Amino acid sequence: MRGRVVAARTSFAKNPRGPGHWTVRLEVAWTDPSNGRTHEASKTFRFSEQNGEGARDFQHRHRAESAIGVLPGRRRGFLLDVPELPAWWDRR
């Protein structure tokens, strides 16, 4: 189903013991066609320190108000249809 990006934020976390990482947090909203309820949730994608340009490109492609594919799962879980596979992503 189609959802929309409500907000997209990029941040950098420095690590004193090694390389840092870029984080892109997407907040997404979608309407469940079976019951008409609107859901909002977020996913965080992590990119390596060397891939800062990739993180900024990812945020630009998935900026606020852009459409995004959403695959709802069980127990409030969901997947986002993004063609990239960052180094790490959360499962919230």
PDB file of N, CA and C in Angstrom:
ATOM      1  N   MET A   1       0.843  -1.169   0.000  1.00  0.00           N
ATOM      2  CA  MET A   1       0.000   0.000   0.000  1.00  0.00           C
ATOM      3  C   MET A   1       0.891   1.236   0.000  1.00  0.00           C
ATOM      4  N   ARG A   2       0.313   2.355  -0.339  1.00  0.00           N
ATOM      5  CA  ARG A   2       1.075   3.588  -0.404  1.00  0.00           C
ATOM      6  C   ARG A   2       0.926   4.367   0.898  1.00  0.00           C
ATOM      7  N   GLY A   3       2.028   4.884   1.367  1.00  0.00           N
ATOM      8  CA  GLY A   3       2.043   5.754   2.526  1.00  0.00           C
ATOM      9  C   GLY A   3       2.704   7.062   2.130  1.00  0.00           C
ATOM     10  N   ARG A   4       2.863   7.933   3.086  1.00  0.00           N
ATOM     11  CA  ARG A   4       3.575   9.178   2.801  1.00  0.00           C
ATOM     12  C   ARG A   4       4.554   9.443   3.931  1.00  0.00           C
ATOM     13  N   VAL A   5       5.654  10.065   3.570  1.00  0.00           N
ATOM     14  CA  VAL A   5       6.662  10.430   4.551  1.00  0.00           C
ATOM     15  C   VAL A   5       6.201  11.716   5.227  1.00  0.00           C
ATOM     16  N   VAL A   6       6.084  11.686   6.531  1.00  0.00           N
ATOM     17  CA  VAL A   6       5.667  12.854   7.302  1.00  0.00           C
ATOM     18  C   VAL A   6       6.877  13.738   7.589  1.00  0.00           C
ATOM     19  N   ALA A   7       8.004  13.115   7.928  1.00  0.00           N
ATOM     20  CA  ALA A   7       9.237  13.858   8.219  1.00  0.00           C
ATOM     21  C   ALA A   7      10.436  12.966   7.939  1.00  0.00           C
ATOM     22  N   ALA A   8      11.539  13.597   7.564  1.00  0.00           N
ATOM     23  CA  ALA A   8      12.802  12.883   7.338  1.00  0.00           C
ATOM     24  C   ALA A   8      13.921  13.717   7.956  1.00  0.00           C
ATOM     25  N   ARG A   9      14.690  13.083   8.838  1.00  0.00           N
ATOM     26  CA  ARG A   9      15.762  13.807   9.542  1.00  0.00           C
ATOM     27  C   ARG A   9      17.067  13.029   9.426  1.00  0.00           C
ATOM     28  N   THR A  10      18.140  13.764   9.222  1.00  0.00           N
ATOM     29  CA  THR A  10      19.469  13.157   9.152  1.00  0.00           C
ATOM     30  C   THR A  10      20.309  13.696  10.294  1.00  0.00           C
ATOM     31  N   SER A  11      21.092  12.807  10.924  1.00  0.00           N
ATOM     32  CA  SER A  11      22.000  13.241  11.983  1.00  0.00           C
ATOM     33  C   SER A  11      23.274  12.406  11.902  1.00  0.00           C
ATOM     34  N   PHE A  12      24.322  12.914  12.542  1.00  0.00           N
ATOM     35  CA  PHE A  12      25.598  12.209  12.574  1.00  0.00           C
ATOM     36  C   PHE A  12      25.975  11.939  14.020  1.00  0.00           C
ATOM     37  N   ALA A  13      26.399  10.729  14.313  1.00  0.00           N
ATOM     38  CA  ALA A  13      26.847  10.362  15.657  1.00  0.00           C
ATOM     39  C   ALA A  13      28.328  10.016  15.592  1.00  0.00           C
ATOM     40  N   LYS A  14      29.105  10.745  16.344  1.00  0.00           N
ATOM     41  CA  LYS A  14      30.535  10.514  16.383  1.00  0.00           C
ATOM     42  C   LYS A  14      30.841   9.417  17.403  1.00  0.00           C
ATOM     43  N   ASN A  15      31.782   8.550  17.077  1.00  0.00           N
ATOM     44  CA  ASN A  15      32.176   7.468  17.970  1.00  0.00           C
ATOM     45  C   ASN A  15      33.631   7.678  18.368  1.00  0.00           C
ATOM     46  N   PRO A  16      33.947   7.879  19.656  1.00  0.00           N
ATOM     47  CA  PRO A  16      35.333   8.136  20.058  1.00  0.00           C
ATOM     48  C   PRO A  16      36.257   6.933  19.852  1.00  0.00           C
ATOM     49  N   ARG A  17      35.704   5.747  19.682  1.00  0.00           N
ATOM     50  CA  ARG A  17      36.531   4.547  19.530  1.00  0.00           C
ATOM     51  C   ARG A  17      36.657   4.059  18.092  1.00  0.00           C
ATOM     52  N   GLY A  18      36.064   4.745  17.181  1.00  0.00           N
ATOM     53  CA  GLY A  18      36.119   4.291  15.794  1.00  0.00           C
ATOM     54  C   GLY A  18      35.282   5.189  14.911  1.00  0.00           C
ATOM     55  N   PRO A  19      34.903   4.686  13.758  1.00  0.00           N
ATOM     56  CA  PRO A  19      34.119   5.521  12.842  1.00  0.00           C
ATOM     57  C   PRO A  19      32.714   5.799  13.378  1.00  0.00           C
ATOM     58  N   GLY A  20      32.214   6.960  13.036  1.00  0.00           N
ATOM     59  CA  GLY A  20      30.855   7.327  13.413  1.00  0.00           C
ATOM     60  C   GLY A  20      29.865   6.781  12.389  1.00  0.00           C
ATOM     61  N   HIS A  21      28.620   7.262  12.481  1.00  0.00           N
ATOM     62  CA  HIS A  21      27.616   6.833  11.517  1.00  0.00           C
ATOM     63  C   HIS A  21      26.564   7.918  11.306  1.00  0.00           C
ATOM     64  N   TRP A  22      25.993   7.900  10.126  1.00  0.00           N
ATOM     65  CA  TRP A  22      24.892   8.778   9.766  1.00  0.00           C
ATOM     66  C   TRP A  22      23.586   8.036  10.014  1.00  0.00           C
ATOM     67  N   THR A  23      22.593   8.746  10.521  1.00  0.00           N
ATOM     68  CA  THR A  23      21.281   8.160  10.773  1.00  0.00           C
ATOM     69  C   THR A  23      20.222   8.978  10.042  1.00  0.00           C
ATOM     70  N   VAL A  24      19.354   8.297   9.313  1.00  0.00           N
ATOM     71  CA  VAL A  24      18.213   8.940   8.662  1.00  0.00           C
ATOM     72  C   VAL A  24      16.955   8.331   9.270  1.00  0.00           C
ATOM     73  N   ARG A  25      16.133   9.169   9.869  1.00  0.00           N
ATOM     74  CA  ARG A  25      14.892   8.709  10.499  1.00  0.00           C
ATOM     75  C   ARG A  25      13.718   9.166   9.637  1.00  0.00           C
ATOM     76  N   LEU A  26      12.930   8.197   9.184  1.00  0.00           N
ATOM     77  CA  LEU A  26      11.737   8.488   8.388  1.00  0.00           C
ATOM     78  C   LEU A  26      10.498   8.250   9.239  1.00  0.00           C
ATOM     79  N   GLU A  27       9.658   9.263   9.327  1.00  0.00           N
ATOM     80  CA  GLU A  27       8.353   9.126   9.975  1.00  0.00           C
ATOM     81  C   GLU A  27       7.329   8.994   8.864  1.00  0.00           C
ATOM     82  N   VAL A  28       6.523   7.924   8.929  1.00  0.00           N
ATOM     83  CA  VAL A  28       5.633   7.556   7.828  1.00  0.00           C
ATOM     84  C   VAL A  28       4.203   7.415   8.339  1.00  0.00           C
ATOM     85  N   ALA A  29       3.242   7.792   7.500  1.00  0.00           N
ATOM     86  CA  ALA A  29       1.820   7.617   7.817  1.00  0.00           C
ATOM     87  C   ALA A  29       1.153   6.876   6.656  1.00  0.00           C
ATOM     88  N   TRP A  30       0.208   5.986   6.994  1.00  0.00           N
ATOM     89  CA  TRP A  30      -0.559   5.277   5.967  1.00  0.00           C
ATOM     90  C   TRP A  30      -1.920   4.930   6.534  1.00  0.00           C
ATOM     91  N   THR A  31      -2.865   4.693   5.626  1.00  0.00           N
ATOM     92  CA  THR A  31      -4.227   4.331   6.007  1.00  0.00           C
ATOM     93  C   THR A  31      -4.461   2.873   5.659  1.00  0.00           C
ATOM     94  N   ASP A  32      -4.933   2.113   6.632  1.00  0.00           N
ATOM     95  CA  ASP A  32      -5.233   0.697   6.436  1.00  0.00           C
ATOM     96  C   ASP A  32      -6.542   0.584   5.662  1.00  0.00           C
ATOM     97  N   PRO A  33      -6.512  -0.016   4.451  1.00  0.00           N
ATOM     98  CA  PRO A  33      -7.750  -0.085   3.656  1.00  0.00           C
ATOM     99  C   PRO A  33      -8.813  -1.004   4.263  1.00  0.00           C
ATOM    100  N   SER A  34      -8.430  -1.933   5.107  1.00  0.00           N
ATOM    101  CA  SER A  34      -9.414  -2.860   5.674  1.00  0.00           C
ATOM    102  C   SER A  34     -10.295  -2.209   6.733  1.00  0.00           C
ATOM    103  N   ASN A  35      -9.754  -1.234   7.472  1.00  0.00           N
ATOM    104  CA  ASN A  35     -10.568  -0.613   8.519  1.00  0.00           C
ATOM    105  C   ASN A  35     -10.556   0.921   8.470  1.00  0.00           C
ATOM    106  N   GLY A  36      -9.795   1.514   7.559  1.00  0.00           N
ATOM    107  CA  GLY A  36      -9.770   2.970   7.410  1.00  0.00           C
ATOM    108  C   GLY A  36      -8.971   3.715   8.465  1.00  0.00           C
ATOM    109  N   ARG A  37      -8.279   2.985   9.336  1.00  0.00           N
ATOM    110  CA  ARG A  37      -7.497   3.638  10.394  1.00  0.00           C
ATOM    111  C   ARG A  37      -6.173   4.138   9.838  1.00  0.00           C
ATOM    112  N   THR A  38      -5.764   5.302  10.311  1.00  0.00           N
ATOM    113  CA  THR A  38      -4.482   5.872   9.917  1.00  0.00           C
ATOM    114  C   THR A  38      -3.437   5.489  10.948  1.00  0.00           C
ATOM    115  N   HIS A  39      -2.289   5.051  10.466  1.00  0.00           N
ATOM    116  CA  HIS A  39      -1.185   4.644  11.333  1.00  0.00           C
ATOM    117  C   HIS A  39       0.003   5.554  11.082  1.00  0.00           C
ATOM    118  N   GLU A  40       0.739   5.844  12.124  1.00  0.00           N
ATOM    119  CA  GLU A  40       1.990   6.594  12.008  1.00  0.00           C
ATOM    120  C   GLU A  40       3.068   5.835  12.751  1.00  0.00           C
ATOM    121  N   ALA A  41       4.230   5.753  12.150  1.00  0.00           N
ATOM    122  CA  ALA A  41       5.360   5.066  12.769  1.00  0.00           C
ATOM    123  C   ALA A  41       6.629   5.593  12.135  1.00  0.00           C
ATOM    124  N   SER A  42       7.768   5.168  12.669  1.00  0.00           N
ATOM    125  CA  SER A  42       9.037   5.632  12.115  1.00  0.00           C
ATOM    126  C   SER A  42      10.025   4.483  12.014  1.00  0.00           C
ATOM    127  N   LYS A  43      10.964   4.645  11.117  1.00  0.00           N
ATOM    128  CA  LYS A  43      12.059   3.699  10.937  1.00  0.00           C
ATOM    129  C   LYS A  43      13.345   4.512  10.876  1.00  0.00           C
ATOM    130  N   THR A  44      14.398   3.910  11.392  1.00  0.00           N
ATOM    131  CA  THR A  44      15.704   4.550  11.391  1.00  0.00           C
ATOM    132  C   THR A  44      16.653   3.728  10.537  1.00  0.00           C
ATOM    133  N   PHE A  45      17.351   4.405   9.633  1.00  0.00           N
ATOM    134  CA  PHE A  45      18.314   3.769   8.749  1.00  0.00           C
ATOM    135  C   PHE A  45      19.693   4.320   9.074  1.00  0.00           C
ATOM    136  N   ARG A  46      20.680   3.456   9.184  1.00  0.00           N
ATOM    137  CA  ARG A  46      22.036   3.867   9.551  1.00  0.00           C
ATOM    138  C   ARG A  46      22.977   3.653   8.373  1.00  0.00           C
ATOM    139  N   PHE A  47      23.838   4.652   8.141  1.00  0.00           N
ATOM    140  CA  PHE A  47      24.840   4.611   7.083  1.00  0.00           C
ATOM    141  C   PHE A  47      26.214   4.816   7.704  1.00  0.00           C
ATOM    142  N   SER A  48      27.221   4.246   7.114  1.00  0.00           N
ATOM    143  CA  SER A  48      28.584   4.393   7.634  1.00  0.00           C
ATOM    144  C   SER A  48      29.049   5.846   7.514  1.00  0.00           C
ATOM    145  N   GLU A  49      30.071   6.198   8.265  1.00  0.00           N
ATOM    146  CA  GLU A  49      30.609   7.556   8.251  1.00  0.00           C
ATOM    147  C   GLU A  49      31.067   7.954   6.844  1.00  0.00           C
ATOM    148  N   GLN A  50      31.642   7.010   6.121  1.00  0.00           N
ATOM    149  CA  GLN A  50      32.132   7.297   4.777  1.00  0.00           C
ATOM    150  C   GLN A  50      30.998   7.488   3.775  1.00  0.00           C
ATOM    151  N   ASN A  51      29.796   7.075   4.124  1.00  0.00           N
ATOM    152  CA  ASN A  51      28.667   7.152   3.199  1.00  0.00           C
ATOM    153  C   ASN A  51      27.717   8.290   3.564  1.00  0.00           C
ATOM    154  N   GLY A  52      28.256   9.418   3.979  1.00  0.00           N
ATOM    155  CA  GLY A  52      27.428  10.575   4.319  1.00  0.00           C
ATOM    156  C   GLY A  52      26.632  11.088   3.137  1.00  0.00           C
ATOM    157  N   GLU A  53      27.233  11.053   1.956  1.00  0.00           N
ATOM    158  CA  GLU A  53      26.525  11.495   0.758  1.00  0.00           C
ATOM    159  C   GLU A  53      25.346  10.566   0.465  1.00  0.00           C
ATOM    160  N   GLY A  54      25.532   9.272   0.676  1.00  0.00           N
ATOM    161  CA  GLY A  54      24.442   8.313   0.492  1.00  0.00           C
ATOM    162  C   GLY A  54      23.298   8.575   1.457  1.00  0.00           C
ATOM    163  N   ALA A  55      23.619   8.942   2.698  1.00  0.00           N
ATOM    164  CA  ALA A  55      22.579   9.261   3.685  1.00  0.00           C
ATOM    165  C   ALA A  55      21.799  10.497   3.266  1.00  0.00           C
ATOM    166  N   ARG A  56      22.500  11.520   2.795  1.00  0.00           N
ATOM    167  CA  ARG A  56      21.815  12.741   2.353  1.00  0.00           C
ATOM    168  C   ARG A  56      20.959  12.470   1.110  1.00  0.00           C
ATOM    169  N   ASP A  57      21.454  11.657   0.182  1.00  0.00           N
ATOM    170  CA  ASP A  57      20.671  11.294  -0.999  1.00  0.00           C
ATOM    171  C   ASP A  57      19.418  10.508  -0.600  1.00  0.00           C
ATOM    172  N   PHE A  58      19.578   9.581   0.353  1.00  0.00           N
ATOM    173  CA  PHE A  58      18.459   8.783   0.847  1.00  0.00           C
ATOM    174  C   PHE A  58      17.384   9.698   1.439  1.00  0.00           C
ATOM    175  N   GLN A  59      17.804  10.662   2.253  1.00  0.00           N
ATOM    176  CA  GLN A  59      16.841  11.588   2.849  1.00  0.00           C
ATOM    177  C   GLN A  59      16.176  12.432   1.769  1.00  0.00           C
ATOM    178  N   HIS A  60      16.939  12.877   0.782  1.00  0.00           N
ATOM    179  CA  HIS A  60      16.364  13.710  -0.279  1.00  0.00           C
ATOM    180  C   HIS A  60      15.316  12.931  -1.080  1.00  0.00           C
ATOM    181  N   ARG A  61      15.583  11.669  -1.392  1.00  0.00           N
ATOM    182  CA  ARG A  61      14.627  10.847  -2.143  1.00  0.00           C
ATOM    183  C   ARG A  61      13.366  10.557  -1.333  1.00  0.00           C
ATOM    184  N   HIS A  62      13.499  10.512  -0.015  1.00  0.00           N
ATOM    185  CA  HIS A  62      12.365  10.193   0.861  1.00  0.00           C
ATOM    186  C   HIS A  62      12.036  11.385   1.757  1.00  0.00           C
ATOM    187  N   ARG A  63      11.996  12.560   1.158  1.00  0.00           N
ATOM    188  CA  ARG A  63      11.726  13.791   1.917  1.00  0.00           C
ATOM    189  C   ARG A  63      10.245  13.863   2.315  1.00  0.00           C
ATOM    190  N   ALA A  64       9.928  14.796   3.187  1.00  0.00           N
ATOM    191  CA  ALA A  64       8.560  14.969   3.686  1.00  0.00           C
ATOM    192  C   ALA A  64       7.583  15.146   2.533  1.00  0.00           C
ATOM    193  N   GLU A  65       6.436  14.536   2.669  1.00  0.00           N
ATOM    194  CA  GLU A  65       5.322  14.554   1.718  1.00  0.00           C
ATOM    195  C   GLU A  65       5.545  13.680   0.489  1.00  0.00           C
ATOM    196  N   SER A  66       6.648  12.949   0.416  1.00  0.00           N
ATOM    197  CA  SER A  66       6.839  12.034  -0.714  1.00  0.00           C
ATOM    198  C   SER A  66       6.121  10.719  -0.434  1.00  0.00           C
ATOM    199  N   ALA A  67       5.769  10.014  -1.502  1.00  0.00           N
ATOM    200  CA  ALA A  67       5.083   8.727  -1.370  1.00  0.00           C
ATOM    201  C   ALA A  67       6.109   7.625  -1.111  1.00  0.00           C
ATOM    202  N   ILE A  68       5.683   6.613  -0.349  1.00  0.00           N
ATOM    203  CA  ILE A  68       6.563   5.487  -0.055  1.00  0.00           C
ATOM    204  C   ILE A  68       5.701   4.237   0.103  1.00  0.00           C
ATOM    205  N   GLY A  69       6.207   3.117  -0.352  1.00  0.00           N
ATOM    206  CA  GLY A  69       5.482   1.862  -0.210  1.00  0.00           C
ATOM    207  C   GLY A  69       5.597   1.330   1.211  1.00  0.00           C
ATOM    208  N   VAL A  70       4.487   0.863   1.765  1.00  0.00           N
ATOM    209  CA  VAL A  70       4.445   0.338   3.126  1.00  0.00           C
ATOM    210  C   VAL A  70       3.840  -1.063   3.085  1.00  0.00           C
ATOM    211  N   LEU A  71       4.478  -1.995   3.752  1.00  0.00           N
ATOM    212  CA  LEU A  71       3.965  -3.355   3.881  1.00  0.00           C
ATOM    213  C   LEU A  71       3.703  -3.609   5.362  1.00  0.00           C
ATOM    214  N   PRO A  72       2.431  -3.482   5.805  1.00  0.00           N
ATOM    215  CA  PRO A  72       2.122  -3.702   7.219  1.00  0.00           C
ATOM    216  C   PRO A  72       2.324  -5.169   7.591  1.00  0.00           C
ATOM    217  N   GLY A  73       2.727  -5.382   8.814  1.00  0.00           N
ATOM    218  CA  GLY A  73       2.924  -6.729   9.320  1.00  0.00           C
ATOM    219  C   GLY A  73       2.089  -6.972  10.551  1.00  0.00           C
ATOM    220  N   ARG A  74       2.457  -7.997  11.286  1.00  0.00           N
ATOM    221  CA  ARG A  74       1.735  -8.315  12.518  1.00  0.00           C
ATOM    222  C   ARG A  74       2.280  -7.474  13.670  1.00  0.00           C
ATOM    223  N   ARG A  75       1.448  -7.307  14.673  1.00  0.00           N
ATOM    224  CA  ARG A  75       1.829  -6.614  15.911  1.00  0.00           C
ATOM    225  C   ARG A  75       2.456  -5.251  15.661  1.00  0.00           C
ATOM    226  N   ARG A  76       1.817  -4.453  14.870  1.00  0.00           N
ATOM    227  CA  ARG A  76       2.238  -3.080  14.568  1.00  0.00           C
ATOM    228  C   ARG A  76       3.560  -2.996  13.813  1.00  0.00           C
ATOM    229  N   GLY A  77       4.082  -4.094  13.328  1.00  0.00           N
ATOM    230  CA  GLY A  77       5.299  -4.076  12.530  1.00  0.00           C
ATOM    231  C   GLY A  77       4.999  -3.661  11.094  1.00  0.00           C
ATOM    232  N   PHE A  78       6.011  -3.191  10.396  1.00  0.00           N
ATOM    233  CA  PHE A  78       5.836  -2.808   9.004  1.00  0.00           C
ATOM    234  C   PHE A  78       7.196  -2.729   8.332  1.00  0.00           C
ATOM    235  N   LEU A  79       7.181  -2.810   7.022  1.00  0.00           N
ATOM    236  CA  LEU A  79       8.377  -2.640   6.212  1.00  0.00           C
ATOM    237  C   LEU A  79       8.161  -1.477   5.268  1.00  0.00           C
ATOM    238  N   LEU A  80       9.247  -0.785   4.942  1.00  0.00           N
ATOM    239  CA  LEU A  80       9.184   0.277   3.951  1.00  0.00           C
ATOM    240  C   LEU A  80       9.839  -0.219   2.672  1.00  0.00           C
ATOM    241  N   ASP A  81       9.238   0.112   1.555  1.00  0.00           N
ATOM    242  CA  ASP A  81       9.773  -0.285   0.254  1.00  0.00           C
ATOM    243  C   ASP A  81      10.810   0.747  -0.189  1.00  0.00           C
ATOM    244  N   VAL A  82      12.063   0.478   0.149  1.00  0.00           N
ATOM    245  CA  VAL A  82      13.160   1.348  -0.269  1.00  0.00           C
ATOM    246  C   VAL A  82      14.140   0.511  -1.084  1.00  0.00           C
ATOM    247  N   PRO A  83      14.587   1.021  -2.226  1.00  0.00           N
ATOM    248  CA  PRO A  83      15.474   0.222  -3.079  1.00  0.00           C
ATOM    249  C   PRO A  83      16.870   0.029  -2.494  1.00  0.00           C
ATOM    250  N   GLU A  84      17.298   0.925  -1.630  1.00  0.00           N
ATOM    251  CA  GLU A  84      18.617   0.818  -1.020  1.00  0.00           C
ATOM    252  C   GLU A  84      18.563  -0.117   0.172  1.00  0.00           C
ATOM    253  N   LEU A  85      19.678  -0.716   0.484  1.00  0.00           N
ATOM    254  CA  LEU A  85      19.797  -1.487   1.712  1.00  0.00           C
ATOM    255  C   LEU A  85      20.949  -0.887   2.494  1.00  0.00           C
ATOM    256  N   PRO A  86      20.646   0.013   3.446  1.00  0.00           N
ATOM    257  CA  PRO A  86      21.708   0.617   4.245  1.00  0.00           C
ATOM    258  C   PRO A  86      22.459  -0.442   5.058  1.00  0.00           C
ATOM    259  N   ALA A  87      23.518  -0.037   5.694  1.00  0.00           N
ATOM    260  CA  ALA A  87      24.334  -0.954   6.484  1.00  0.00           C
ATOM    261  C   ALA A  87      23.525  -1.561   7.631  1.00  0.00           C
ATOM    262  N   TRP A  88      22.544  -0.830   8.152  1.00  0.00           N
ATOM    263  CA  TRP A  88      21.783  -1.312   9.305  1.00  0.00           C
ATOM    264  C   TRP A  88      20.439  -0.597   9.308  1.00  0.00           C
ATOM    265  N   TRP A  89      19.426  -1.247   9.809  1.00  0.00           N
ATOM    266  CA  TRP A  89      18.128  -0.587   9.976  1.00  0.00           C
ATOM    267  C   TRP A  89      17.451  -1.168  11.202  1.00  0.00           C
ATOM    268  N   ASP A  90      16.541  -0.406  11.783  1.00  0.00           N
ATOM    269  CA  ASP A  90      15.889  -0.900  12.996  1.00  0.00           C
ATOM    270  C   ASP A  90      14.627  -1.664  12.654  1.00  0.00           C
ATOM    271  N   ARG A  91      14.067  -2.342  13.624  1.00  0.00           N
ATOM    272  CA  ARG A  91      12.874  -3.150  13.389  1.00  0.00           C
ATOM    273  C   ARG A  91      11.679  -2.617  14.148  1.00  0.00           C
ATOM    274  N   ARG A  92      11.685  -1.332  14.525  1.00  0.00           N
ATOM    275  CA  ARG A  92      10.541  -0.765  15.231  1.00  0.00           C
ATOM    276  C   ARG A  92       9.453  -0.391  14.297  1.00  0.00           C
TER     277      ARG A  92
END
